[in-house]
């Protein structure tokens, strides 16, 4: 099943592809319950494509979150890969944060939205 990440063109238009976010540094991580009792996770990653000399800070919001299992939040947290898989049975997403160092884990969500994308020099 095809991934549907809202506003993903903000990322793909800058990099030319949807990255795996290898070696992306976490700038922000938040888990919250909204006033409507909806669980959300928001992350902001600093991702660099060294081959293209392009960098950006990318905000991603995951809503309708369930089955959260997050570990190892450190002072510095770096992804090895952000894995997003669409579940054929219910059209939800299985998310895995594979760590290079620091935060790791997995969760499910109903919706993924790209927020701000700010190009950065490196």
N, C-alpha and C. Protein backbone atom coordinates (compact mmCIF):
# COMPACT_ATOMS: atom_id res chain seq x y z
N UNK A 1 0.85 -1.18 0.00
CA UNK A 1 0.00 0.00 0.00
C UNK A 1 0.90 1.24 0.00
N UNK A 2 0.52 2.24 -0.76
CA UNK A 2 1.31 3.46 -0.89
C UNK A 2 1.24 4.31 0.38
N UNK A 3 2.36 4.92 0.71
CA UNK A 3 2.39 5.85 1.85
C UNK A 3 1.69 7.13 1.46
N UNK A 4 0.95 7.70 2.40
CA UNK A 4 0.36 9.01 2.18
C UNK A 4 0.80 9.90 3.34
N UNK A 5 1.83 10.68 3.11
CA UNK A 5 2.35 11.60 4.11
C UNK A 5 1.97 13.00 3.65
N UNK A 6 1.09 13.64 4.40
CA UNK A 6 0.60 14.97 4.00
C UNK A 6 1.75 15.98 3.98
N UNK A 7 1.78 16.78 2.96
CA UNK A 7 2.79 17.82 2.75
C UNK A 7 4.19 17.26 2.53
N UNK A 8 4.29 16.00 2.11
CA UNK A 8 5.61 15.39 1.88
C UNK A 8 6.37 16.11 0.77
N UNK A 9 5.66 16.82 -0.11
CA UNK A 9 6.32 17.55 -1.20
C UNK A 9 7.24 18.63 -0.66
N UNK A 10 7.03 19.10 0.57
CA UNK A 10 7.95 20.07 1.17
C UNK A 10 9.35 19.47 1.30
N UNK A 11 9.42 18.17 1.55
CA UNK A 11 10.70 17.46 1.69
C UNK A 11 11.20 17.00 0.33
N UNK A 12 10.33 16.38 -0.45
CA UNK A 12 10.76 15.82 -1.74
C UNK A 12 11.16 16.90 -2.73
N UNK A 13 10.56 18.07 -2.65
CA UNK A 13 10.95 19.15 -3.57
C UNK A 13 12.33 19.70 -3.23
N UNK A 14 12.72 19.62 -1.97
CA UNK A 14 14.03 20.11 -1.56
C UNK A 14 15.14 19.08 -1.85
N UNK A 15 14.89 17.82 -1.46
CA UNK A 15 15.92 16.79 -1.59
C UNK A 15 15.81 15.97 -2.87
N UNK A 16 14.62 15.96 -3.49
CA UNK A 16 14.41 15.14 -4.68
C UNK A 16 13.95 13.73 -4.36
N UNK A 17 13.70 13.44 -3.10
CA UNK A 17 13.29 12.11 -2.65
C UNK A 17 12.80 12.22 -1.20
N UNK A 18 12.12 11.16 -0.73
CA UNK A 18 11.75 11.08 0.68
C UNK A 18 12.88 10.32 1.38
N UNK A 19 13.62 10.97 2.29
CA UNK A 19 14.80 10.33 2.88
C UNK A 19 14.45 9.28 3.95
N UNK A 20 15.43 8.44 4.24
CA UNK A 20 15.34 7.50 5.37
C UNK A 20 15.78 8.19 6.65
N UNK A 21 16.29 9.42 6.52
CA UNK A 21 16.75 10.25 7.63
C UNK A 21 17.94 9.63 8.37
N UNK A 22 18.81 8.95 7.61
CA UNK A 22 20.04 8.39 8.17
C UNK A 22 20.90 9.51 8.75
N UNK A 23 21.33 9.33 9.97
CA UNK A 23 22.20 10.27 10.69
C UNK A 23 21.53 11.61 10.98
N UNK A 24 20.19 11.65 10.94
CA UNK A 24 19.47 12.88 11.29
C UNK A 24 19.49 13.06 12.81
N UNK A 25 19.76 14.28 13.24
CA UNK A 25 19.77 14.60 14.66
C UNK A 25 18.39 15.07 15.10
N UNK A 26 17.95 14.56 16.24
CA UNK A 26 16.71 15.05 16.82
C UNK A 26 16.96 16.44 17.40
N UNK A 27 16.13 17.40 16.98
CA UNK A 27 16.15 18.73 17.57
C UNK A 27 15.02 18.87 18.58
N UNK A 28 13.97 18.02 18.40
CA UNK A 28 12.79 18.12 19.26
C UNK A 28 12.04 16.79 19.21
N UNK A 29 11.53 16.37 20.37
CA UNK A 29 10.67 15.20 20.45
C UNK A 29 9.60 15.49 21.49
N UNK A 30 8.33 15.26 21.12
CA UNK A 30 7.23 15.53 22.04
C UNK A 30 6.16 14.45 21.90
N UNK A 31 5.67 13.98 23.05
CA UNK A 31 4.53 13.08 23.10
C UNK A 31 3.47 13.78 23.94
N UNK A 32 2.28 13.94 23.37
CA UNK A 32 1.24 14.64 24.12
C UNK A 32 -0.13 14.05 23.85
N UNK A 33 -1.05 14.35 24.76
CA UNK A 33 -2.45 13.97 24.60
C UNK A 33 -3.23 15.26 24.43
N UNK A 34 -3.96 15.36 23.32
CA UNK A 34 -4.70 16.59 23.03
C UNK A 34 -5.94 16.70 23.90
N UNK A 35 -6.61 17.83 23.79
CA UNK A 35 -7.85 18.05 24.55
C UNK A 35 -8.93 17.04 24.18
N UNK A 36 -8.84 16.47 22.98
CA UNK A 36 -9.81 15.45 22.53
C UNK A 36 -9.32 14.04 22.85
N UNK A 37 -8.31 13.92 23.74
CA UNK A 37 -7.72 12.64 24.14
C UNK A 37 -7.05 11.91 22.99
N UNK A 38 -6.61 12.65 21.98
CA UNK A 38 -5.86 12.06 20.89
C UNK A 38 -4.38 12.16 21.20
N UNK A 39 -3.68 11.03 21.10
CA UNK A 39 -2.25 11.02 21.36
C UNK A 39 -1.50 11.42 20.10
N UNK A 40 -0.44 12.26 20.29
CA UNK A 40 0.35 12.75 19.17
C UNK A 40 1.83 12.68 19.52
N UNK A 41 2.63 12.48 18.49
CA UNK A 41 4.08 12.59 18.61
C UNK A 41 4.53 13.58 17.57
N UNK A 42 5.36 14.51 18.00
CA UNK A 42 5.93 15.49 17.08
C UNK A 42 7.44 15.41 17.18
N UNK A 43 8.10 15.37 16.02
CA UNK A 43 9.56 15.37 16.00
C UNK A 43 10.05 16.47 15.07
N UNK A 44 11.25 16.94 15.34
CA UNK A 44 11.92 17.86 14.45
C UNK A 44 13.34 17.31 14.27
N UNK A 45 13.69 17.05 13.02
CA UNK A 45 14.97 16.43 12.69
C UNK A 45 15.83 17.37 11.87
N UNK A 46 17.12 17.36 12.14
CA UNK A 46 18.08 18.06 11.30
C UNK A 46 18.70 17.00 10.39
N UNK A 47 18.37 17.08 9.10
CA UNK A 47 18.83 16.08 8.13
C UNK A 47 19.74 16.74 7.11
N UNK A 48 20.86 16.09 6.83
CA UNK A 48 21.82 16.59 5.85
C UNK A 48 22.03 15.54 4.77
N UNK A 49 21.95 15.97 3.52
CA UNK A 49 22.35 15.12 2.40
C UNK A 49 23.70 15.66 1.94
N UNK A 50 24.75 14.99 2.40
CA UNK A 50 26.11 15.46 2.15
C UNK A 50 26.43 15.43 0.66
N UNK A 51 25.94 14.41 -0.06
CA UNK A 51 26.22 14.30 -1.49
C UNK A 51 25.67 15.48 -2.28
N UNK A 52 24.50 15.99 -1.85
CA UNK A 52 23.88 17.12 -2.55
C UNK A 52 24.17 18.46 -1.88
N UNK A 53 24.85 18.42 -0.74
CA UNK A 53 25.14 19.63 0.04
C UNK A 53 23.86 20.39 0.39
N UNK A 54 22.85 19.64 0.84
CA UNK A 54 21.56 20.21 1.23
C UNK A 54 21.26 19.77 2.66
N UNK A 55 20.77 20.70 3.45
CA UNK A 55 20.36 20.38 4.82
C UNK A 55 19.05 21.06 5.14
N UNK A 56 18.29 20.48 6.05
CA UNK A 56 17.02 21.08 6.46
C UNK A 56 16.62 20.58 7.84
N UNK A 57 15.90 21.44 8.53
CA UNK A 57 15.23 21.04 9.77
C UNK A 57 13.79 20.72 9.38
N UNK A 58 13.36 19.50 9.68
CA UNK A 58 12.08 18.99 9.20
C UNK A 58 11.21 18.58 10.39
N UNK A 59 10.01 19.14 10.42
CA UNK A 59 9.05 18.85 11.48
C UNK A 59 8.04 17.82 10.95
N UNK A 60 7.81 16.75 11.73
CA UNK A 60 6.85 15.72 11.34
C UNK A 60 5.92 15.47 12.52
N UNK A 61 4.61 15.48 12.26
CA UNK A 61 3.60 15.23 13.28
C UNK A 61 2.91 13.91 12.98
N UNK A 62 2.86 13.05 13.98
CA UNK A 62 2.17 11.76 13.90
C UNK A 62 0.96 11.86 14.81
N UNK A 63 -0.25 11.66 14.27
CA UNK A 63 -1.45 11.76 15.11
C UNK A 63 -2.21 10.45 15.10
N UNK A 64 -3.12 10.31 16.07
CA UNK A 64 -3.82 9.05 16.26
C UNK A 64 -2.85 7.96 16.68
N UNK A 65 -1.93 8.32 17.57
CA UNK A 65 -0.84 7.44 17.98
C UNK A 65 -1.32 6.39 18.97
N UNK A 66 -0.78 5.18 18.83
CA UNK A 66 -1.07 4.09 19.77
C UNK A 66 0.14 3.16 19.85
N UNK A 67 0.10 2.26 20.83
CA UNK A 67 1.16 1.25 21.02
C UNK A 67 2.56 1.87 21.04
N UNK A 68 2.73 2.87 21.84
CA UNK A 68 4.00 3.60 21.92
C UNK A 68 5.00 2.84 22.79
N UNK A 69 6.18 2.63 22.24
CA UNK A 69 7.28 1.99 22.96
C UNK A 69 8.56 2.74 22.58
N UNK A 70 8.90 3.76 23.37
CA UNK A 70 10.04 4.63 23.09
C UNK A 70 11.07 4.47 24.22
N UNK A 71 12.34 4.37 23.85
CA UNK A 71 13.41 4.14 24.82
C UNK A 71 14.60 5.05 24.55
N UNK A 72 15.47 5.16 25.55
CA UNK A 72 16.83 5.70 25.42
C UNK A 72 16.90 7.15 24.96
N UNK A 73 16.15 8.02 25.58
CA UNK A 73 16.26 9.45 25.28
C UNK A 73 17.50 10.00 25.95
N UNK A 74 18.47 10.45 25.15
CA UNK A 74 19.75 10.95 25.65
C UNK A 74 19.87 12.45 25.37
N UNK A 75 21.01 13.02 25.78
CA UNK A 75 21.28 14.43 25.48
C UNK A 75 21.38 14.65 23.98
N UNK A 76 22.00 13.71 23.27
CA UNK A 76 22.09 13.77 21.81
C UNK A 76 21.47 12.50 21.24
N UNK A 77 20.57 12.65 20.30
CA UNK A 77 19.83 11.53 19.72
C UNK A 77 19.94 11.60 18.20
N UNK A 78 20.39 10.50 17.60
CA UNK A 78 20.62 10.46 16.16
C UNK A 78 19.96 9.22 15.58
N UNK A 79 19.21 9.41 14.51
CA UNK A 79 18.55 8.28 13.84
C UNK A 79 19.51 7.53 12.93
N UNK A 80 19.31 6.24 12.86
CA UNK A 80 19.92 5.45 11.80
C UNK A 80 18.94 5.41 10.63
N UNK A 81 17.64 5.27 10.98
CA UNK A 81 16.60 5.27 9.94
C UNK A 81 15.23 5.49 10.56
N UNK A 82 14.40 6.26 9.87
CA UNK A 82 12.99 6.41 10.21
C UNK A 82 12.22 5.50 9.26
N UNK A 83 11.67 4.40 9.80
CA UNK A 83 10.97 3.41 8.99
C UNK A 83 9.47 3.67 9.10
N UNK A 84 8.81 3.83 7.94
CA UNK A 84 7.37 4.06 7.89
C UNK A 84 6.76 2.99 6.99
N UNK A 85 5.86 2.19 7.56
CA UNK A 85 5.22 1.12 6.80
C UNK A 85 3.71 1.26 6.95
N UNK A 86 2.99 1.21 5.83
CA UNK A 86 1.52 1.30 5.85
C UNK A 86 0.96 -0.10 6.07
N UNK A 87 0.05 -0.23 7.03
CA UNK A 87 -0.58 -1.50 7.35
C UNK A 87 -1.78 -1.72 6.44
N UNK A 88 -1.74 -2.76 5.63
CA UNK A 88 -2.83 -3.04 4.68
C UNK A 88 -4.17 -3.28 5.37
N UNK A 89 -4.15 -3.88 6.55
CA UNK A 89 -5.39 -4.26 7.22
C UNK A 89 -6.24 -3.06 7.64
N UNK A 90 -5.60 -2.01 8.18
CA UNK A 90 -6.38 -0.88 8.68
C UNK A 90 -5.92 0.48 8.16
N UNK A 91 -4.98 0.50 7.22
CA UNK A 91 -4.45 1.73 6.61
C UNK A 91 -3.70 2.62 7.59
N UNK A 92 -3.44 2.13 8.80
CA UNK A 92 -2.61 2.88 9.74
C UNK A 92 -1.15 2.68 9.40
N UNK A 93 -0.28 3.38 10.10
CA UNK A 93 1.15 3.31 9.86
C UNK A 93 1.86 2.67 11.05
N UNK A 94 2.86 1.88 10.76
CA UNK A 94 3.78 1.36 11.77
C UNK A 94 5.06 2.18 11.62
N UNK A 95 5.46 2.82 12.69
CA UNK A 95 6.63 3.69 12.68
C UNK A 95 7.70 3.07 13.56
N UNK A 96 8.93 3.07 13.05
CA UNK A 96 10.06 2.60 13.85
C UNK A 96 11.17 3.63 13.79
N UNK A 97 11.64 4.02 14.97
CA UNK A 97 12.78 4.92 15.10
C UNK A 97 14.00 4.04 15.37
N UNK A 98 14.79 3.79 14.34
CA UNK A 98 16.00 2.99 14.50
C UNK A 98 17.13 3.94 14.87
N UNK A 99 17.75 3.70 16.01
CA UNK A 99 18.72 4.65 16.54
C UNK A 99 20.14 4.36 16.09
N UNK A 100 20.83 5.42 15.81
CA UNK A 100 22.29 5.39 15.68
C UNK A 100 22.83 5.55 17.11
N UNK A 101 22.26 6.53 17.83
CA UNK A 101 22.49 6.66 19.26
C UNK A 101 21.30 7.40 19.87
N UNK A 102 20.93 7.01 21.06
CA UNK A 102 19.83 7.68 21.75
C UNK A 102 18.47 7.08 21.47
N UNK A 103 17.52 7.95 21.28
CA UNK A 103 16.11 7.56 21.22
C UNK A 103 15.85 6.51 20.14
N UNK A 104 15.05 5.51 20.54
CA UNK A 104 14.66 4.45 19.62
C UNK A 104 13.27 3.97 20.02
N UNK A 105 12.65 3.19 19.16
CA UNK A 105 11.36 2.62 19.52
C UNK A 105 10.43 2.52 18.35
N UNK A 106 9.17 2.29 18.69
CA UNK A 106 8.16 2.12 17.66
C UNK A 106 6.80 2.56 18.19
N UNK A 107 5.91 2.84 17.24
CA UNK A 107 4.54 3.20 17.57
C UNK A 107 3.70 3.09 16.30
N UNK A 108 2.41 3.12 16.47
CA UNK A 108 1.48 3.14 15.34
C UNK A 108 0.82 4.51 15.29
N UNK A 109 0.36 4.91 14.11
CA UNK A 109 -0.37 6.17 13.99
C UNK A 109 -1.33 6.09 12.82
N UNK A 110 -2.30 7.00 12.85
CA UNK A 110 -3.31 7.07 11.79
C UNK A 110 -2.95 8.05 10.70
N UNK A 111 -2.15 9.07 11.05
CA UNK A 111 -1.90 10.16 10.11
C UNK A 111 -0.49 10.71 10.31
N UNK A 112 0.15 11.10 9.20
CA UNK A 112 1.48 11.69 9.24
C UNK A 112 1.44 12.99 8.43
N UNK A 113 1.91 14.08 9.04
CA UNK A 113 1.90 15.37 8.39
C UNK A 113 3.28 16.02 8.53
N UNK A 114 3.82 16.51 7.42
CA UNK A 114 5.05 17.29 7.46
C UNK A 114 4.65 18.73 7.78
N UNK A 115 5.30 19.28 8.81
CA UNK A 115 5.06 20.68 9.18
C UNK A 115 6.08 21.58 8.51
N UNK A 116 6.78 22.33 9.32
CA UNK A 116 7.78 23.26 8.79
C UNK A 116 8.99 22.51 8.24
N UNK A 117 9.50 23.00 7.14
CA UNK A 117 10.78 22.53 6.57
C UNK A 117 11.61 23.78 6.34
N UNK A 118 12.71 23.88 7.09
CA UNK A 118 13.56 25.06 7.02
C UNK A 118 14.93 24.64 6.51
N UNK A 119 15.30 25.15 5.34
CA UNK A 119 16.60 24.82 4.77
C UNK A 119 17.70 25.39 5.64
N UNK A 120 18.75 24.58 5.86
CA UNK A 120 19.88 24.97 6.71
C UNK A 120 21.20 24.82 5.97
N UNK A 121 22.10 25.73 6.21
CA UNK A 121 23.47 25.61 5.70
C UNK A 121 24.23 24.64 6.58
N UNK A 122 25.21 23.98 5.99
CA UNK A 122 26.09 23.13 6.81
C UNK A 122 27.50 23.18 6.31
